[in-house]
C-alpha atoms as a PDB file:
ATOM      1  CA  MET A   1      75.785  63.832 -19.588  1.00  0.00           C
ATOM      2  CA  VAL A   2      74.588  60.215 -19.561  1.00  0.00           C
ATOM      3  CA  GLU A   3      71.534  59.488 -21.702  1.00  0.00           C
ATOM      4  CA  THR A   4      68.866  57.473 -19.880  1.00  0.00           C
ATOM      5  CA  VAL A   5      66.728  54.901 -21.656  1.00  0.00           C
ATOM      6  CA  GLY A   6      64.219  54.703 -18.798  1.00  0.00           C
ATOM      7  CA  ARG A   7      62.631  51.761 -16.928  1.00  0.00           C
ATOM      8  CA  VAL A   8      63.236  48.663 -19.003  1.00  0.00           C
ATOM      9  CA  PHE A   9      62.371  44.962 -18.776  1.00  0.00           C
ATOM     10  CA  ALA A  10      62.527  41.852 -20.961  1.00  0.00           C
ATOM     11  CA  ALA A  11      59.399  39.728 -21.352  1.00  0.00           C
ATOM     12  CA  VAL A  12      57.539  37.159 -23.376  1.00  0.00           C
ATOM     13  CA  PRO A  13      54.366  38.805 -24.728  1.00  0.00           C
ATOM     14  CA  LEU A  14      50.961  37.136 -24.851  1.00  0.00           C
ATOM     15  CA  PRO A  15      49.287  36.829 -28.238  1.00  0.00           C
ATOM     16  CA  SER A  16      46.152  38.964 -28.545  1.00  0.00           C
ATOM     17  CA  GLU A  17      43.861  35.911 -28.853  1.00  0.00           C
ATOM     18  CA  ILE A  18      45.204  34.570 -25.505  1.00  0.00           C
ATOM     19  CA  ARG A  19      44.671  37.985 -23.889  1.00  0.00           C
ATOM     20  CA  LEU A  20      41.071  38.037 -25.095  1.00  0.00           C
ATOM     21  CA  ALA A  21      40.385  34.444 -24.008  1.00  0.00           C
ATOM     22  CA  LEU A  22      41.928  35.010 -20.549  1.00  0.00           C
ATOM     23  CA  ALA A  23      40.007  38.272 -20.084  1.00  0.00           C
ATOM     24  CA  ASP A  24      36.810  36.444 -21.006  1.00  0.00           C
ATOM     25  CA  GLN A  25      37.527  33.567 -18.620  1.00  0.00           C
ATOM     26  CA  ILE A  26      38.344  35.746 -15.633  1.00  0.00           C
ATOM     27  CA  ALA A  27      35.440  38.204 -16.170  1.00  0.00           C
ATOM     28  CA  SER A  28      33.094  36.093 -14.053  1.00  0.00           C
ATOM     29  CA  LEU A  29      35.653  35.408 -11.284  1.00  0.00           C
ATOM     30  CA  ASN A  30      35.940  37.369  -8.087  1.00  0.00           C
ATOM     31  CA  ILE A  31      39.553  38.475  -8.453  1.00  0.00           C
ATOM     32  CA  PRO A  32      40.443  40.900  -5.647  1.00  0.00           C
ATOM     33  CA  GLY A  33      42.535  44.042  -6.029  1.00  0.00           C
ATOM     34  CA  LYS A  34      43.283  46.309  -8.947  1.00  0.00           C
ATOM     35  CA  LEU A  35      43.326  44.355 -12.168  1.00  0.00           C
ATOM     36  CA  VAL A  36      46.228  44.850 -14.541  1.00  0.00           C
ATOM     37  CA  PRO A  37      44.782  45.886 -17.944  1.00  0.00           C
ATOM     38  CA  ALA A  38      44.781  42.987 -20.427  1.00  0.00           C
ATOM     39  CA  GLU A  39      46.878  44.995 -22.922  1.00  0.00           C
ATOM     40  CA  SER A  40      49.640  45.097 -20.283  1.00  0.00           C
ATOM     41  CA  TRP A  41      49.801  41.334 -19.642  1.00  0.00           C
ATOM     42  CA  HIS A  42      53.232  39.813 -20.262  1.00  0.00           C
ATOM     43  CA  LEU A  43      55.625  37.278 -18.736  1.00  0.00           C
ATOM     44  CA  THR A  44      58.534  39.218 -17.269  1.00  0.00           C
ATOM     45  CA  LEU A  45      61.929  37.539 -17.696  1.00  0.00           C
ATOM     46  CA  ARG A  46      64.093  40.274 -16.114  1.00  0.00           C
ATOM     47  CA  PHE A  47      63.306  43.787 -14.858  1.00  0.00           C
ATOM     48  CA  LEU A  48      66.295  46.121 -15.246  1.00  0.00           C
ATOM     49  CA  GLY A  49      64.947  49.348 -13.803  1.00  0.00           C
ATOM     50  CA  SER A  50      66.030  52.744 -15.087  1.00  0.00           C
ATOM     51  CA  ILE A  51      69.225  52.304 -17.119  1.00  0.00           C
ATOM     52  CA  ASP A  52      71.500  54.396 -19.281  1.00  0.00           C
ATOM     53  CA  GLN A  53      72.071  53.961 -23.029  1.00  0.00           C
ATOM     54  CA  VAL A  54      75.425  52.135 -22.667  1.00  0.00           C
ATOM     55  CA  THR A  55      73.990  49.604 -20.236  1.00  0.00           C
ATOM     56  CA  TYR A  56      70.982  49.159 -22.508  1.00  0.00           C
ATOM     57  CA  GLU A  57      73.141  48.464 -25.564  1.00  0.00           C
ATOM     58  CA  ARG A  58      75.266  45.967 -23.629  1.00  0.00           C
ATOM     59  CA  PHE A  59      72.100  44.252 -22.390  1.00  0.00           C
ATOM     60  CA  LEU A  60      70.642  44.021 -25.918  1.00  0.00           C
ATOM     61  CA  HIS A  61      73.858  42.566 -27.317  1.00  0.00           C
ATOM     62  CA  ALA A  62      73.960  39.805 -24.673  1.00  0.00           C
ATOM     63  CA  LEU A  63      70.173  39.232 -24.779  1.00  0.00           C
ATOM     64  CA  SER A  64      70.406  38.417 -28.511  1.00  0.00           C
ATOM     65  CA  ASP A  65      71.468  34.931 -27.389  1.00  0.00           C
ATOM     66  CA  VAL A  66      67.754  34.175 -26.897  1.00  0.00           C
ATOM     67  CA  GLU A  67      67.524  33.940 -30.693  1.00  0.00           C
ATOM     68  CA  ASP A  68      69.381  30.616 -30.424  1.00  0.00           C
ATOM     69  CA  ARG A  69      66.577  29.192 -28.301  1.00  0.00           C
ATOM     70  CA  GLY A  70      63.706  27.393 -29.955  1.00  0.00           C
ATOM     71  CA  ARG A  71      60.054  28.302 -29.720  1.00  0.00           C
ATOM     72  CA  PHE A  72      58.154  26.356 -27.084  1.00  0.00           C
ATOM     73  CA  PRO A  73      54.548  25.555 -26.095  1.00  0.00           C
ATOM     74  CA  MET A  74      52.939  27.561 -23.304  1.00  0.00           C
ATOM     75  CA  ARG A  75      49.873  26.714 -21.239  1.00  0.00           C
ATOM     76  CA  LEU A  76      48.216  28.908 -18.614  1.00  0.00           C
ATOM     77  CA  SER A  77      46.671  26.597 -16.077  1.00  0.00           C
ATOM     78  CA  GLY A  78      45.810  27.974 -12.639  1.00  0.00           C
ATOM     79  CA  PHE A  79      45.843  30.794 -10.102  1.00  0.00           C
ATOM     80  CA  GLY A  80      47.965  31.684  -7.113  1.00  0.00           C
ATOM     81  CA  GLY A  81      49.070  34.573  -4.949  1.00  0.00           C
ATOM     82  CA  PHE A  82      52.302  36.170  -3.737  1.00  0.00           C
ATOM     83  CA  PRO A  83      53.658  36.004  -1.129  1.00  0.00           C
ATOM     84  CA  ASN A  84      51.140  33.227  -0.415  1.00  0.00           C
ATOM     85  CA  THR A  85      47.490  32.414  -1.179  1.00  0.00           C
ATOM     86  CA  ASN A  86      46.252  33.323   2.335  1.00  0.00           C
ATOM     87  CA  ARG A  87      47.745  36.876   2.357  1.00  0.00           C
ATOM     88  CA  ALA A  88      48.140  37.682  -1.322  1.00  0.00           C
ATOM     89  CA  THR A  89      49.299  41.099  -2.471  1.00  0.00           C
ATOM     90  CA  VAL A  90      49.572  39.841  -6.041  1.00  0.00           C
ATOM     91  CA  VAL A  91      47.136  37.507  -7.839  1.00  0.00           C
ATOM     92  CA  TRP A  92      48.784  35.561 -10.665  1.00  0.00           C
ATOM     93  CA  VAL A  93      48.232  32.848 -13.252  1.00  0.00           C
ATOM     94  CA  GLY A  94      50.764  30.040 -13.512  1.00  0.00           C
ATOM     95  CA  PHE A  95      51.803  27.532 -16.160  1.00  0.00           C
ATOM     96  CA  SER A  96      51.673  23.804 -16.659  1.00  0.00           C
ATOM     97  CA  ASP A  97      53.644  23.995 -19.954  1.00  0.00           C
ATOM     98  CA  GLY A  98      56.450  26.377 -20.808  1.00  0.00           C
ATOM     99  CA  VAL A  99      58.117  26.673 -17.399  1.00  0.00           C
ATOM    100  CA  GLU A 100      61.400  25.132 -18.595  1.00  0.00           C
ATOM    101  CA  GLY A 101      61.441  27.402 -21.643  1.00  0.00           C
ATOM    102  CA  LEU A 102      60.766  30.501 -19.477  1.00  0.00           C
ATOM    103  CA  LEU A 103      63.471  29.450 -17.011  1.00  0.00           C
ATOM    104  CA  GLY A 104      65.949  29.133 -19.890  1.00  0.00           C
ATOM    105  CA  LEU A 105      65.045  32.575 -21.258  1.00  0.00           C
ATOM    106  CA  ASN A 106      65.322  34.044 -17.737  1.00  0.00           C
ATOM    107  CA  GLU A 107      68.854  32.605 -17.415  1.00  0.00           C
ATOM    108  CA  ILE A 108      69.878  34.371 -20.624  1.00  0.00           C
ATOM    109  CA  ALA A 109      68.180  37.645 -19.568  1.00  0.00           C
ATOM    110  CA  GLU A 110      69.791  37.458 -16.109  1.00  0.00           C
ATOM    111  CA  SER A 111      73.212  36.796 -17.623  1.00  0.00           C
ATOM    112  CA  ALA A 112      72.681  39.657 -20.089  1.00  0.00           C
ATOM    113  CA  ALA A 113      71.780  42.022 -17.226  1.00  0.00           C
ATOM    114  CA  GLN A 114      74.904  41.072 -15.310  1.00  0.00           C
ATOM    115  CA  THR A 115      77.048  41.350 -18.451  1.00  0.00           C
ATOM    116  CA  ALA A 116      75.627  44.873 -18.870  1.00  0.00           C
ATOM    117  CA  GLY A 117      76.859  45.716 -15.344  1.00  0.00           C
ATOM    118  CA  LEU A 118      73.688  45.269 -13.307  1.00  0.00           C
ATOM    119  CA  GLU A 119      73.524  43.526  -9.940  1.00  0.00           C
ATOM    120  CA  PRO A 120      72.127  39.956  -9.882  1.00  0.00           C
ATOM    121  CA  GLU A 121      68.432  39.610  -9.146  1.00  0.00           C
ATOM    122  CA  ASP A 122      68.057  38.855  -5.424  1.00  0.00           C
ATOM    123  CA  ARG A 123      64.931  36.675  -5.728  1.00  0.00           C
ATOM    124  CA  PRO A 124      64.606  33.366  -7.550  1.00  0.00           C
ATOM    125  CA  TYR A 125      62.693  33.591 -10.814  1.00  0.00           C
ATOM    126  CA  GLN A 126      59.099  32.349 -10.637  1.00  0.00           C
ATOM    127  CA  PRO A 127      57.328  32.363 -14.034  1.00  0.00           C
ATOM    128  CA  HIS A 128      53.870  33.940 -13.666  1.00  0.00           C
ATOM    129  CA  LEU A 129      51.428  36.354 -15.205  1.00  0.00           C
ATOM    130  CA  THR A 130      50.348  39.136 -12.801  1.00  0.00           C
ATOM    131  CA  LEU A 131      46.558  39.652 -12.891  1.00  0.00           C
ATOM    132  CA  SER A 132      46.046  42.072  -9.993  1.00  0.00           C
ATOM    133  CA  ARG A 133      47.669  43.894  -7.127  1.00  0.00           C
ATOM    134  CA  VAL A 134      45.864  43.640  -3.793  1.00  0.00           C
ATOM    135  CA  ARG A 135      45.890  46.093  -0.881  1.00  0.00           C
ATOM    136  CA  PRO A 136      45.377  45.123   1.900  1.00  0.00           C
ATOM    137  CA  PRO A 137      46.516  41.500   1.546  1.00  0.00           C
ATOM    138  CA  THR A 138      43.677  38.989   1.218  1.00  0.00           C
ATOM    139  CA  SER A 139      43.106  35.279   0.706  1.00  0.00           C
ATOM    140  CA  VAL A 140      42.784  34.031  -2.869  1.00  0.00           C
ATOM    141  CA  ALA A 141      42.310  30.406  -1.826  1.00  0.00           C
ATOM    142  CA  ASP A 142      38.900  30.294  -3.547  1.00  0.00           C
ATOM    143  CA  LEU A 143      40.655  30.803  -6.937  1.00  0.00           C
ATOM    144  CA  LEU A 144      42.814  27.701  -6.530  1.00  0.00           C
ATOM    145  CA  ASP A 145      40.023  25.391  -7.653  1.00  0.00           C
ATOM    146  CA  THR A 146      39.620  27.332 -10.914  1.00  0.00           C
ATOM    147  CA  SER A 147      41.559  25.913 -13.827  1.00  0.00           C
ATOM    148  CA  LEU A 148      42.507  27.377 -17.148  1.00  0.00           C
ATOM    149  CA  ASP A 149      43.601  25.737 -20.368  1.00  0.00           C
ATOM    150  CA  LEU A 150      44.943  28.466 -22.630  1.00  0.00           C
ATOM    151  CA  ARG A 151      47.703  27.312 -25.000  1.00  0.00           C
ATOM    152  CA  TRP A 152      50.014  29.036 -27.471  1.00  0.00           C
ATOM    153  CA  THR A 153      53.604  28.974 -28.666  1.00  0.00           C
ATOM    154  CA  ALA A 154      56.180  31.416 -27.296  1.00  0.00           C
ATOM    155  CA  THR A 155      57.818  32.943 -30.400  1.00  0.00           C
ATOM    156  CA  GLU A 156      59.671  36.046 -29.187  1.00  0.00           C
ATOM    157  CA  VAL A 157      61.247  38.036 -26.371  1.00  0.00           C
ATOM    158  CA  VAL A 158      60.455  41.739 -26.267  1.00  0.00           C
ATOM    159  CA  VAL A 159      62.311  44.479 -24.460  1.00  0.00           C
ATOM    160  CA  PHE A 160      59.800  47.000 -23.154  1.00  0.00           C
ATOM    161  CA  GLN A 161      60.093  50.485 -21.695  1.00  0.00           C
ATOM    162  CA  SER A 162      57.711  51.145 -18.817  1.00  0.00           C
ATOM    163  CA  HIS A 163      56.031  54.551 -18.708  1.00  0.00           C
ATOM    164  CA  LEU A 164      54.463  55.309 -15.348  1.00  0.00           C
ATOM    165  CA  GLY A 165      51.407  57.515 -15.226  1.00  0.00           C
ATOM    166  CA  ARG A 166      48.048  58.224 -13.609  1.00  0.00           C
ATOM    167  CA  GLY A 167      46.283  55.403 -15.444  1.00  0.00           C
ATOM    168  CA  GLY A 168      48.960  52.881 -14.456  1.00  0.00           C
ATOM    169  CA  ALA A 169      52.019  51.717 -16.307  1.00  0.00           C
ATOM    170  CA  ARG A 170      52.067  51.715 -20.123  1.00  0.00           C
ATOM    171  CA  TYR A 171      54.545  49.448 -21.914  1.00  0.00           C
ATOM    172  CA  GLU A 172      56.260  50.421 -25.149  1.00  0.00           C
ATOM    173  CA  PRO A 173      58.079  47.692 -27.121  1.00  0.00           C
ATOM    174  CA  LEU A 174      61.651  48.789 -27.916  1.00  0.00           C
ATOM    175  CA  GLU A 175      63.287  45.645 -29.317  1.00  0.00           C
ATOM    176  CA  ARG A 176      62.098  42.195 -30.457  1.00  0.00           C
ATOM    177  CA  PHE A 177      64.091  38.985 -30.566  1.00  0.00           C
ATOM    178  CA  ALA A 178      62.564  36.054 -32.461  1.00  0.00           C
ATOM    179  CA  LEU A 179      62.967  32.576 -30.988  1.00  0.00           C
ATOM    180  CA  ALA A 180      64.243  30.012 -33.457  1.00  0.00           C
ATOM    181  CA  ALA A 181      61.628  28.073 -35.484  1.00  0.00           C
ATOM    182  CA  ILE A 182      63.063  24.631 -34.915  1.00  0.00           C
END
């Protein structure tokens, strides 16, 4: 019998002070949809889905290459929506600093997933922080004029297990990989 690890993803976590500051700044905004709880905010690098123990171990071994990458500055700067701002089903926050660093980490995570035997991701990676999920789709154009200026340094990649439940998903950190202090 194959042992299952569960639903797994790799992400860059937000420091608690950034979570608090972002929560404070969006409290007065009219963000549509169901807000993702602040304690669940993260920057997904690669979602793997439900995987077995062997695949998980292979992924971790290859993902350890992120430890060769240096820490980098991050800056949350503005809002947007997927698939577009006029019919958004997801409201997100984007970056003005850190995109290149996130793209580099995503390349390593994507390579690690394929090395572990998973299929390549079918959509191009777009670094973002999901704030809410919207049903039915709605315009978020009014948020585009709102700017943010929240800065920190990305210092680690965390592999999380996602536990689905009535109160929404809960994320449990399984492994941590420190970025190099260059």
